[in-house]
Amino acid sequence: MQYFPFFMHLRGERVLLVGGGDIATRKARLLSKAGAHLVVVAPEIDPELESLISATHGELRRREYQTDDLNGAVLAVAATDTAAVNEQISHDARARQLPVNVVDSPELCTVITPAIVDRSPLVIAISSGGEAPVLARMVRAKLETLIPASYGRLAALASKFRERVKQTFSSGDERRRFWEDTLQGPAAELVFSGQDAQAEQVLQQRLNVKAGETRQGEVYLVGGGPGDPELLTLKALRLMQQAEVVLYDRLVSPEVMELVRRDADRIYVGKRRSEHAVEQKAINQMLVDLACEGKRVLRLKGGDPFIFGRGGEEIELLAENNIPFQVVPGITAASGCAAYAGIPLTHRDYAQSVRFVTGHLKTDNANLSWPELARVDQTLVIYMGLIELEAICRGLIQGGRASTTPVALVEKGTTQEQRVIVSDLASIGERVATESVSAPTLLIIGEVVKLHRQLSWFTPDASQ
């Protein structure tokens, strides 16, 4: 470890900043956020920096650096473009045993500025020891996307209850379990959704509950997207990491399942046409039963749970039983597969509307309103249409759509196994019959399919 990481209290303390350009301005922004009393020394000052010093009641000295500028400072920062000046500041600060940071010169520093993820009072610092600052910033960018902005409010809420938790739970293990449950449970979810007052009430109620009583469970109905794990929403990923039990479908890709909490119980409830691992009513009841046991339950579905995913049926029973639940939308197969196939679902020259329908109805046949679906100015997207493909094409032609209408069948869209078969209504059935095609598939029908060859960009890696 080249540098020992620590956090320095600067609120109200004098910090000398030498330099008046863009780099000094960036440093001043960070230091002022920490509440430092800035003393800025430079012959020329950037207007933004000058405004910042005025707004924070700092000191501005329009001249060259002098050693006496270090008087009373707890930290020195050199941000000039003159190497000799930076070296002098470093030498003077070290002579006074004063921490010093010199921008882009690790050899002159006794302290370095990390890349920062600020969720105050939670603050995360990332450092490469000055060796690879761009890499440190890239890591910070990744953490920024993974850590909700509301974590700061969650930390503040926890701080309000620290003493009471200590008084309520005598052992460290009990306190740890309480906080792990709280910071991943309903109270935290209320904070994330902006309901801080309700979160505080939940926390108070939890502390009032007698030991041994069953905790309140919750269900997360989450859309896992069409397959590519990078298409998951941030909220979906967060809930996948905190659920204790996962009920997942056949259409959830293995790559998405890899992101589920490692120690969670996994229950496969996938369904194929006329082949159900678990009947829908049993799934609905299972969600209720597990939540009543106090479990955090993830119902993970491919695509979006409210678009041909029967998500509405599942949460109806939860609502009837007063089970708390959340619904997290996912990128539906129509959007994901079309985008990865280079087929815009709408286009000024080809289609002014898009329609989603399913080729797998309760009656197990494609009894759709063909004249209505055969409109020329719309794109038709059909889910679960592989088995009824011949009937779908025949119905659309009989309904008035030209037999030459372009059709794309997207197999395993957005994954490394994606394949796009392009033909027309008259011939797509024969094309698919000669190929070894397996679900999941999606049919895209309309003039926009013509753009596939020109706009196709996603090339699956055959080695994976």
Protein backbone atom coordinates (compact mmCIF):
# COMPACT_ATOMS: atom_id res chain seq x y z
CA MET A 1 0.00 0.00 0.00
CA GLN A 2 1.75 3.15 -1.22
CA TYR A 3 -0.63 5.58 0.51
CA PHE A 4 -2.60 5.10 3.71
CA PRO A 5 -6.21 6.19 3.07
CA PHE A 6 -7.82 8.54 5.56
CA PHE A 7 -10.41 11.31 5.57
CA MET A 8 -9.43 14.80 6.76
CA HIS A 9 -11.74 17.21 8.58
CA LEU A 10 -11.53 20.55 6.78
CA ARG A 11 -14.72 22.36 7.81
CA GLY A 12 -13.73 25.82 8.93
CA GLU A 13 -10.01 25.08 8.49
CA ARG A 14 -7.65 27.21 6.36
CA VAL A 15 -6.48 25.53 3.17
CA LEU A 16 -3.93 27.19 0.92
CA LEU A 17 -4.61 26.75 -2.81
CA VAL A 18 -1.95 28.14 -5.13
CA GLY A 19 -3.13 28.55 -8.71
CA GLY A 20 -5.94 30.34 -10.49
CA GLY A 21 -6.75 28.25 -13.58
CA ASP A 22 -9.10 25.40 -14.47
CA ILE A 23 -7.30 22.81 -12.35
CA ALA A 24 -7.29 25.08 -9.31
CA THR A 25 -10.99 25.75 -9.87
CA ARG A 26 -11.77 22.03 -9.85
CA LYS A 27 -9.79 21.60 -6.62
CA ALA A 28 -11.58 24.58 -5.07
CA ARG A 29 -14.98 23.07 -5.82
CA LEU A 30 -14.11 19.89 -3.89
CA LEU A 31 -12.47 21.71 -0.99
CA SER A 32 -15.39 24.11 -0.62
CA LYS A 33 -17.83 21.17 -0.53
CA ALA A 34 -15.87 19.92 2.50
CA GLY A 35 -16.36 23.33 4.16
CA ALA A 36 -12.73 24.49 3.93
CA HIS A 37 -11.82 28.17 4.35
CA LEU A 38 -9.94 28.70 1.10
CA VAL A 39 -6.95 31.00 0.73
CA VAL A 40 -6.24 31.27 -3.00
CA VAL A 41 -2.97 32.76 -4.25
CA ALA A 42 -2.37 33.52 -7.96
CA PRO A 43 -1.56 36.53 -10.14
CA GLU A 44 -4.50 35.74 -12.42
CA ILE A 45 -7.78 34.15 -11.29
CA ASP A 46 -10.39 32.27 -13.33
CA PRO A 47 -13.77 34.11 -13.09
CA GLU A 48 -15.53 30.98 -11.81
CA LEU A 49 -12.91 30.54 -9.11
CA GLU A 50 -13.22 34.17 -8.11
CA SER A 51 -16.99 33.80 -7.80
CA LEU A 52 -16.58 30.64 -5.73
CA ILE A 53 -14.17 32.35 -3.31
CA SER A 54 -16.59 35.25 -2.93
CA ALA A 55 -19.59 32.96 -2.36
CA THR A 56 -17.76 30.91 0.29
CA HIS A 57 -16.15 33.94 2.00
CA GLY A 58 -12.64 32.77 1.23
CA GLU A 59 -9.51 34.88 0.76
CA LEU A 60 -8.04 35.96 -2.57
CA ARG A 61 -4.43 37.13 -2.96
CA ARG A 62 -3.65 38.34 -6.50
CA ARG A 63 0.11 37.86 -6.50
CA GLU A 64 2.84 35.24 -6.67
CA TYR A 65 3.20 32.62 -3.95
CA GLN A 66 5.13 33.48 -0.79
CA THR A 67 6.23 31.07 1.95
CA ASP A 68 4.26 33.01 4.57
CA ASP A 69 1.07 32.07 2.71
CA LEU A 70 1.34 28.73 4.52
CA ASN A 71 0.82 30.39 7.90
CA GLY A 72 -2.23 28.96 9.66
CA ALA A 73 -3.03 26.42 6.91
CA VAL A 74 -3.74 22.75 7.66
CA LEU A 75 -3.26 21.70 4.02
CA ALA A 76 -1.46 23.10 0.99
CA VAL A 77 -2.52 22.44 -2.61
CA ALA A 78 -0.30 23.45 -5.54
CA ALA A 79 -2.15 23.74 -8.85
CA THR A 80 0.03 26.02 -10.95
CA ASP A 81 1.49 25.33 -14.38
CA THR A 82 5.00 26.25 -13.23
CA ALA A 83 7.07 23.30 -12.03
CA ALA A 84 9.47 25.44 -9.97
CA VAL A 85 6.63 27.04 -8.03
CA ASN A 86 5.01 23.67 -7.34
CA GLU A 87 8.34 22.28 -6.14
CA GLN A 88 8.85 25.28 -3.83
CA ILE A 89 5.39 24.86 -2.27
CA SER A 90 6.05 21.15 -1.70
CA HIS A 91 9.44 21.90 -0.10
CA ASP A 92 8.05 24.64 2.16
CA ALA A 93 5.08 22.54 3.27
CA ARG A 94 7.23 19.51 4.08
CA ALA A 95 9.58 21.69 6.10
CA ARG A 96 6.60 22.64 8.25
CA GLN A 97 5.35 19.02 8.35
CA LEU A 98 2.24 20.28 6.58
CA PRO A 99 0.29 17.93 4.25
CA VAL A 100 0.74 18.97 0.64
CA ASN A 101 -0.87 17.95 -2.63
CA VAL A 102 0.72 18.90 -5.96
CA VAL A 103 -1.49 18.29 -8.97
CA ASP A 104 -0.15 15.66 -11.40
CA SER A 105 3.12 15.30 -9.45
CA PRO A 106 2.84 12.34 -7.05
CA GLU A 107 6.53 12.59 -6.18
CA LEU A 108 5.92 16.05 -4.66
CA CYS A 109 2.87 14.98 -2.65
CA THR A 110 2.46 13.76 0.89
CA VAL A 111 -1.29 13.44 0.30
CA ILE A 112 -3.15 12.79 -2.94
CA THR A 113 -6.70 13.59 -3.99
CA PRO A 114 -8.77 10.48 -4.76
CA ALA A 115 -11.65 10.10 -7.15
CA ILE A 116 -14.73 10.60 -5.00
CA VAL A 117 -18.22 9.15 -4.92
CA ASP A 118 -20.18 11.58 -2.74
CA ARG A 119 -23.29 10.30 -1.00
CA SER A 120 -22.70 12.38 2.11
CA PRO A 121 -22.41 11.41 4.87
CA LEU A 122 -21.33 8.30 2.95
CA VAL A 123 -18.21 9.13 0.94
CA ILE A 124 -16.16 6.66 -1.11
CA ALA A 125 -12.62 7.47 -2.21
CA ILE A 126 -10.80 5.62 -5.00
CA SER A 127 -7.07 5.99 -5.56
CA SER A 128 -4.45 4.50 -7.86
CA GLY A 129 -1.63 6.07 -5.85
CA GLY A 130 -1.25 8.67 -8.57
CA GLU A 131 -0.18 6.02 -11.07
CA ALA A 132 -3.39 5.75 -13.12
CA PRO A 133 -5.80 8.60 -12.26
CA VAL A 134 -7.93 7.96 -15.36
CA LEU A 135 -8.50 4.37 -14.24
CA ALA A 136 -9.50 5.61 -10.78
CA ARG A 137 -12.03 7.94 -12.41
CA MET A 138 -13.39 5.07 -14.50
CA VAL A 139 -13.90 2.99 -11.34
CA ARG A 140 -15.63 5.95 -9.75
CA ALA A 141 -17.95 6.25 -12.77
CA LYS A 142 -18.92 2.59 -12.37
CA LEU A 143 -19.64 3.07 -8.67
CA GLU A 144 -21.69 6.19 -9.42
CA THR A 145 -24.05 4.06 -11.50
CA LEU A 146 -24.29 1.29 -8.89
CA ILE A 147 -24.85 3.37 -5.75
CA PRO A 148 -28.20 5.18 -5.58
CA ALA A 149 -28.02 8.92 -4.93
CA SER A 150 -30.35 8.40 -1.96
CA TYR A 151 -27.71 6.42 -0.03
CA GLY A 152 -26.74 9.66 1.69
CA ARG A 153 -30.25 10.07 3.09
CA LEU A 154 -30.23 6.42 4.14
CA ALA A 155 -26.97 6.96 6.03
CA ALA A 156 -28.44 10.03 7.72
CA LEU A 157 -31.50 8.02 8.79
CA ALA A 158 -29.28 5.28 10.25
CA SER A 159 -27.31 7.90 12.17
CA LYS A 160 -30.48 9.15 13.87
CA PHE A 161 -31.17 5.68 15.27
CA ARG A 162 -27.66 4.54 16.21
CA GLU A 163 -27.94 5.19 19.93
CA ARG A 164 -31.41 3.69 20.23
CA VAL A 165 -30.28 0.55 18.38
CA LYS A 166 -27.36 0.22 20.78
CA GLN A 167 -29.76 0.44 23.73
CA THR A 168 -32.24 -2.02 22.19
CA PHE A 169 -29.78 -4.75 21.18
CA SER A 170 -27.18 -5.80 23.71
CA SER A 171 -24.91 -7.84 21.43
CA GLY A 172 -22.93 -6.74 18.40
CA ASP A 173 -24.31 -9.65 16.34
CA GLU A 174 -27.89 -8.56 17.03
CA ARG A 175 -27.11 -4.99 16.02
CA ARG A 176 -25.37 -6.17 12.86
CA ARG A 177 -28.34 -8.34 11.83
CA PHE A 178 -30.72 -5.47 12.57
CA TRP A 179 -28.80 -3.03 10.39
CA GLU A 180 -28.25 -5.51 7.54
CA ASP A 181 -31.98 -6.20 7.47
CA THR A 182 -32.90 -2.53 7.79
CA LEU A 183 -30.50 -1.22 5.16
CA GLN A 184 -31.74 -3.78 2.62
CA GLY A 185 -35.39 -3.90 3.66
CA PRO A 186 -38.62 -1.89 3.43
CA ALA A 187 -37.23 1.14 5.29
CA ALA A 188 -34.41 1.49 2.78
CA GLU A 189 -36.78 1.05 -0.15
CA LEU A 190 -38.95 3.85 1.21
CA VAL A 191 -35.91 6.14 1.36
CA PHE A 192 -34.98 5.22 -2.21
CA SER A 193 -38.48 6.13 -3.35
CA GLY A 194 -38.38 9.50 -1.54
CA GLN A 195 -40.61 8.55 1.39
CA ASP A 196 -38.21 9.41 4.23
CA ALA A 197 -40.89 10.11 6.85
CA GLN A 198 -42.51 6.72 6.25
CA ALA A 199 -39.08 5.07 6.39
CA GLU A 200 -38.50 6.58 9.82
CA GLN A 201 -41.84 5.24 11.00
CA VAL A 202 -40.96 1.75 9.75
CA LEU A 203 -37.66 1.91 11.60
CA GLN A 204 -39.36 3.01 14.80
CA GLN A 205 -41.90 0.21 14.47
CA ARG A 206 -39.12 -2.34 13.97
CA LEU A 207 -37.45 -1.25 17.15
CA ASN A 208 -40.75 -1.55 18.99
CA VAL A 209 -41.37 -5.09 17.78
CA LYS A 210 -40.60 -7.75 20.35
CA ALA A 211 -37.79 -10.17 19.63
CA GLY A 212 -38.94 -13.28 17.84
CA GLU A 213 -41.88 -11.77 15.98
CA THR A 214 -42.00 -12.48 12.26
CA ARG A 215 -40.71 -9.65 10.13
CA GLN A 216 -42.67 -8.26 7.19
CA GLY A 217 -41.76 -9.80 3.85
CA GLU A 218 -41.87 -8.11 0.48
CA VAL A 219 -42.02 -9.10 -3.19
CA TYR A 220 -40.04 -7.52 -6.01
CA LEU A 221 -41.56 -8.07 -9.46
CA VAL A 222 -38.59 -7.35 -11.70
CA GLY A 223 -38.17 -7.33 -15.47
CA GLY A 224 -34.89 -8.99 -16.41
CA GLY A 225 -34.85 -7.66 -19.96
CA PRO A 226 -34.40 -9.66 -23.17
CA GLY A 227 -31.10 -11.32 -22.24
CA ASP A 228 -28.12 -8.97 -22.25
CA PRO A 229 -27.33 -8.34 -18.55
CA GLU A 230 -26.10 -4.83 -19.34
CA LEU A 231 -29.68 -3.88 -20.22
CA LEU A 232 -30.83 -4.36 -16.63
CA THR A 233 -31.96 -1.23 -14.80
CA LEU A 234 -29.98 -0.08 -11.77
CA LYS A 235 -32.97 -0.70 -9.51
CA ALA A 236 -33.39 -4.22 -10.86
CA LEU A 237 -29.75 -5.01 -10.09
CA ARG A 238 -30.04 -3.63 -6.57
CA LEU A 239 -33.11 -5.71 -5.74
CA MET A 240 -31.57 -8.81 -7.32
CA GLN A 241 -28.67 -8.42 -4.91
CA GLN A 242 -30.80 -8.21 -1.76
CA ALA A 243 -33.54 -10.80 -2.35
CA GLU A 244 -33.41 -13.98 -0.25
CA VAL A 245 -35.56 -16.11 -2.57
CA VAL A 246 -35.74 -15.92 -6.37
CA LEU A 247 -38.55 -17.30 -8.54
CA TYR A 248 -37.33 -17.12 -12.12
CA ASP A 249 -38.65 -17.87 -15.60
CA ARG A 250 -37.27 -19.80 -18.56
CA LEU A 251 -36.70 -16.55 -20.46
CA VAL A 252 -34.29 -15.12 -17.87
CA SER A 253 -30.83 -15.53 -19.38
CA PRO A 254 -28.03 -17.33 -17.50
CA GLU A 255 -25.99 -14.13 -17.62
CA VAL A 256 -28.74 -12.23 -15.81
CA MET A 257 -29.09 -15.01 -13.25
CA GLU A 258 -25.37 -14.67 -12.51
CA LEU A 259 -26.11 -11.26 -11.01
CA VAL A 260 -28.60 -12.58 -8.46
CA ARG A 261 -27.40 -12.68 -4.85
CA ARG A 262 -25.19 -15.76 -4.50
CA ASP A 263 -26.74 -17.19 -1.35
CA ALA A 264 -30.37 -16.67 -2.42
CA ASP A 265 -32.64 -19.70 -2.74
CA ARG A 266 -33.52 -20.21 -6.42
CA ILE A 267 -36.82 -21.69 -7.54
CA TYR A 268 -37.39 -22.38 -11.24
CA VAL A 269 -40.98 -21.71 -12.27
CA GLY A 270 -40.48 -21.51 -16.05
CA LYS A 271 -43.22 -22.22 -18.53
CA ARG A 272 -43.28 -23.43 -22.08
CA ARG A 273 -46.34 -23.80 -24.26
CA SER A 274 -48.51 -26.47 -22.55
CA GLU A 275 -45.55 -27.37 -20.32
CA HIS A 276 -45.47 -25.57 -16.98
CA ALA A 277 -42.84 -26.30 -14.33
CA VAL A 278 -45.24 -24.65 -11.87
CA GLU A 279 -48.83 -23.63 -12.63
CA GLN A 280 -49.52 -19.89 -12.56
CA LYS A 281 -51.90 -20.11 -9.60
CA ALA A 282 -49.25 -21.98 -7.64
CA ILE A 283 -46.68 -19.29 -8.46
CA ASN A 284 -49.05 -16.59 -7.26
CA GLN A 285 -49.66 -18.41 -3.98
CA MET A 286 -45.95 -19.16 -3.54
CA LEU A 287 -45.18 -15.44 -3.64
CA VAL A 288 -47.73 -14.80 -0.90
CA ASP A 289 -46.52 -17.69 1.27
CA LEU A 290 -42.85 -16.75 1.05
CA ALA A 291 -43.57 -13.11 1.86
CA CYS A 292 -45.67 -14.18 4.85
CA GLU A 293 -42.60 -16.03 6.12
CA GLY A 294 -40.83 -12.69 6.22
CA LYS A 295 -38.74 -13.30 3.09
CA ARG A 296 -37.63 -10.73 0.52
CA VAL A 297 -38.81 -12.43 -2.66
CA LEU A 298 -37.61 -11.65 -6.17
CA ARG A 299 -39.97 -12.58 -8.98
CA LEU A 300 -37.62 -12.33 -11.94
CA LYS A 301 -39.16 -12.40 -15.40
CA GLY A 302 -37.69 -12.08 -18.87
CA GLY A 303 -38.42 -8.80 -20.67
CA ASP A 304 -40.96 -6.60 -18.91
CA PRO A 305 -43.37 -8.14 -16.37
CA PHE A 306 -46.32 -6.08 -17.58
CA ILE A 307 -45.97 -6.87 -21.29
CA PHE A 308 -47.24 -10.42 -21.86
CA GLY A 309 -45.52 -11.41 -18.62
CA ARG A 310 -48.62 -12.04 -16.46
CA GLY A 311 -47.15 -9.71 -13.86
CA GLY A 312 -50.52 -8.13 -13.23
CA GLU A 313 -52.01 -11.51 -12.31
CA GLU A 314 -49.22 -12.17 -9.84
CA ILE A 315 -49.45 -8.92 -7.94
CA GLU A 316 -53.27 -9.07 -7.73
CA LEU A 317 -53.05 -11.79 -5.10
CA LEU A 318 -50.30 -9.89 -3.29
CA ALA A 319 -52.52 -6.82 -3.11
CA GLU A 320 -55.46 -8.89 -1.83
CA ASN A 321 -53.26 -10.21 0.98
CA ASN A 322 -51.73 -6.81 1.81
CA ILE A 323 -48.24 -7.99 0.90
CA PRO A 324 -45.88 -5.08 0.11
CA PHE A 325 -44.53 -5.27 -3.44
CA GLN A 326 -42.58 -3.26 -5.98
CA VAL A 327 -42.68 -3.47 -9.76
CA VAL A 328 -39.50 -2.76 -11.72
CA PRO A 329 -40.00 -2.53 -15.48
CA GLY A 330 -37.54 -4.18 -17.80
CA ILE A 331 -36.63 -3.57 -21.42
CA THR A 332 -39.24 -5.56 -23.28
CA ALA A 333 -38.21 -7.98 -26.02
CA ALA A 334 -39.70 -5.76 -28.73
CA SER A 335 -37.43 -2.83 -27.87
CA GLY A 336 -34.33 -4.87 -27.08
CA CYS A 337 -34.46 -7.33 -29.96
CA ALA A 338 -35.41 -4.71 -32.53
CA ALA A 339 -32.57 -2.42 -31.42
CA TYR A 340 -29.98 -5.21 -31.49
CA ALA A 341 -31.25 -6.29 -34.92
CA GLY A 342 -30.91 -2.75 -36.29
CA ILE A 343 -34.65 -2.41 -36.93
CA PRO A 344 -36.28 0.83 -35.72
CA LEU A 345 -39.85 0.07 -34.70
CA THR A 346 -41.04 3.44 -35.99
CA HIS A 347 -39.68 5.52 -38.85
CA ARG A 348 -41.11 8.58 -40.62
CA ASP A 349 -40.84 6.91 -44.02
CA TYR A 350 -42.21 3.49 -43.09
CA ALA A 351 -44.27 3.30 -39.89
CA GLN A 352 -46.02 5.87 -37.72
CA SER A 353 -47.09 3.41 -35.03
CA VAL A 354 -46.09 0.10 -33.50
CA ARG A 355 -48.30 -2.64 -32.11
CA PHE A 356 -47.41 -5.45 -29.69
CA VAL A 357 -49.48 -8.63 -29.80
CA THR A 358 -49.03 -12.20 -28.64
CA GLY A 359 -49.35 -15.25 -30.85
CA HIS A 360 -49.96 -17.43 -27.80
CA LEU A 361 -53.41 -16.78 -26.39
CA LYS A 362 -55.36 -18.60 -23.68
CA THR A 363 -57.08 -20.65 -26.38
CA ASP A 364 -53.66 -21.76 -27.73
CA ASN A 365 -54.24 -20.44 -31.22
CA ALA A 366 -53.53 -17.18 -33.02
CA ASN A 367 -57.14 -15.92 -33.11
CA LEU A 368 -56.21 -12.29 -33.72
CA SER A 369 -58.09 -9.51 -35.52
CA TRP A 370 -56.24 -9.77 -38.81
CA PRO A 371 -57.79 -6.84 -40.77
CA GLU A 372 -56.99 -4.54 -37.87
CA LEU A 373 -53.41 -5.79 -37.65
CA ALA A 374 -52.81 -5.65 -41.42
CA ARG A 375 -52.51 -1.84 -41.59
CA VAL A 376 -49.65 -0.79 -43.86
CA ASP A 377 -48.44 2.22 -41.83
CA GLN A 378 -47.67 0.32 -38.64
CA THR A 379 -45.03 -2.09 -37.40
CA LEU A 380 -46.38 -5.31 -35.94
CA VAL A 381 -44.39 -7.09 -33.21
CA ILE A 382 -45.56 -10.57 -32.26
CA TYR A 383 -44.38 -12.28 -29.12
CA MET A 384 -44.42 -16.08 -28.82
CA GLY A 385 -45.36 -16.50 -32.46
CA LEU A 386 -42.98 -19.25 -33.56
CA ILE A 387 -45.39 -22.18 -33.32
CA GLU A 388 -48.24 -20.25 -34.96
CA LEU A 389 -45.98 -18.63 -37.60
CA GLU A 390 -47.75 -20.11 -40.64
CA ALA A 391 -51.19 -19.15 -39.27
CA ILE A 392 -50.02 -15.62 -38.46
CA CYS A 393 -48.64 -15.02 -41.95
CA ARG A 394 -51.74 -16.49 -43.58
CA GLY A 395 -54.04 -14.38 -41.40
CA LEU A 396 -52.23 -11.14 -42.18
CA ILE A 397 -52.28 -11.82 -45.93
CA GLN A 398 -55.98 -12.64 -45.78
CA GLY A 399 -56.50 -9.51 -43.71
CA GLY A 400 -55.07 -7.35 -46.49
CA ARG A 401 -51.32 -7.18 -45.89
CA ALA A 402 -49.19 -7.74 -49.00
CA SER A 403 -47.46 -11.10 -49.18
CA THR A 404 -44.21 -9.23 -49.96
CA THR A 405 -44.27 -7.41 -46.60
CA PRO A 406 -40.82 -7.77 -44.97
CA VAL A 407 -40.60 -9.98 -41.87
CA ALA A 408 -37.74 -10.49 -39.41
CA LEU A 409 -37.59 -13.34 -36.95
CA VAL A 410 -35.16 -12.55 -34.12
CA GLU A 411 -33.96 -15.59 -32.21
CA LYS A 412 -32.45 -15.18 -28.71
CA GLY A 413 -32.23 -11.44 -29.22
CA THR A 414 -29.55 -9.31 -27.46
CA THR A 415 -27.56 -12.41 -26.48
CA GLN A 416 -24.41 -13.91 -27.97
CA GLU A 417 -26.65 -16.48 -29.67
CA GLN A 418 -28.76 -13.89 -31.49
CA ARG A 419 -29.76 -14.70 -35.04
CA VAL A 420 -31.92 -12.63 -37.39
CA ILE A 421 -33.78 -14.33 -40.25
CA VAL A 422 -35.26 -11.90 -42.80
CA SER A 423 -37.85 -12.80 -45.42
CA ASP A 424 -41.44 -11.82 -46.27
CA LEU A 425 -44.91 -12.96 -45.24
CA ALA A 426 -45.10 -15.43 -48.10
CA SER A 427 -41.76 -17.12 -47.45
CA ILE A 428 -40.78 -16.71 -43.78
CA GLY A 429 -42.46 -19.97 -42.83
CA GLU A 430 -40.40 -21.97 -45.31
CA ARG A 431 -37.20 -20.15 -44.27
CA VAL A 432 -37.72 -20.96 -40.61
CA ALA A 433 -38.62 -24.57 -41.41
CA THR A 434 -35.22 -25.06 -43.02
CA GLU A 435 -33.41 -23.54 -40.05
CA SER A 436 -33.01 -24.97 -36.57
CA VAL A 437 -34.86 -22.21 -34.73
CA SER A 438 -35.76 -22.36 -31.05
CA ALA A 439 -37.48 -20.03 -28.61
CA PRO A 440 -37.33 -17.35 -27.49
CA THR A 441 -38.13 -15.66 -30.78
CA LEU A 442 -39.78 -12.41 -31.80
CA LEU A 443 -41.50 -11.53 -35.07
CA ILE A 444 -41.17 -8.02 -36.50
CA ILE A 445 -43.44 -7.36 -39.46
CA GLY A 446 -43.46 -4.20 -41.55
CA GLU A 447 -41.52 -1.99 -43.93
CA VAL A 448 -39.03 -1.00 -41.21
CA VAL A 449 -37.47 -4.46 -41.58
CA LYS A 450 -35.93 -3.20 -44.83
CA LEU A 451 -33.50 -1.15 -42.70
CA HIS A 452 -32.01 -4.22 -41.02
CA ARG A 453 -29.20 -4.71 -43.53
CA GLN A 454 -28.19 -1.05 -43.44
CA LEU A 455 -28.49 -0.46 -39.68
CA SER A 456 -27.44 -3.81 -38.23
CA TRP A 457 -24.65 -3.19 -35.72
CA PHE A 458 -24.66 -6.02 -33.17
CA THR A 459 -22.37 -8.91 -34.08
CA PRO A 460 -22.49 -11.80 -31.56
CA ASP A 461 -19.13 -13.17 -30.53
CA ALA A 462 -19.07 -16.69 -31.93
CA SER A 463 -16.33 -17.68 -29.50
CA GLN A 464 -18.58 -17.18 -26.48
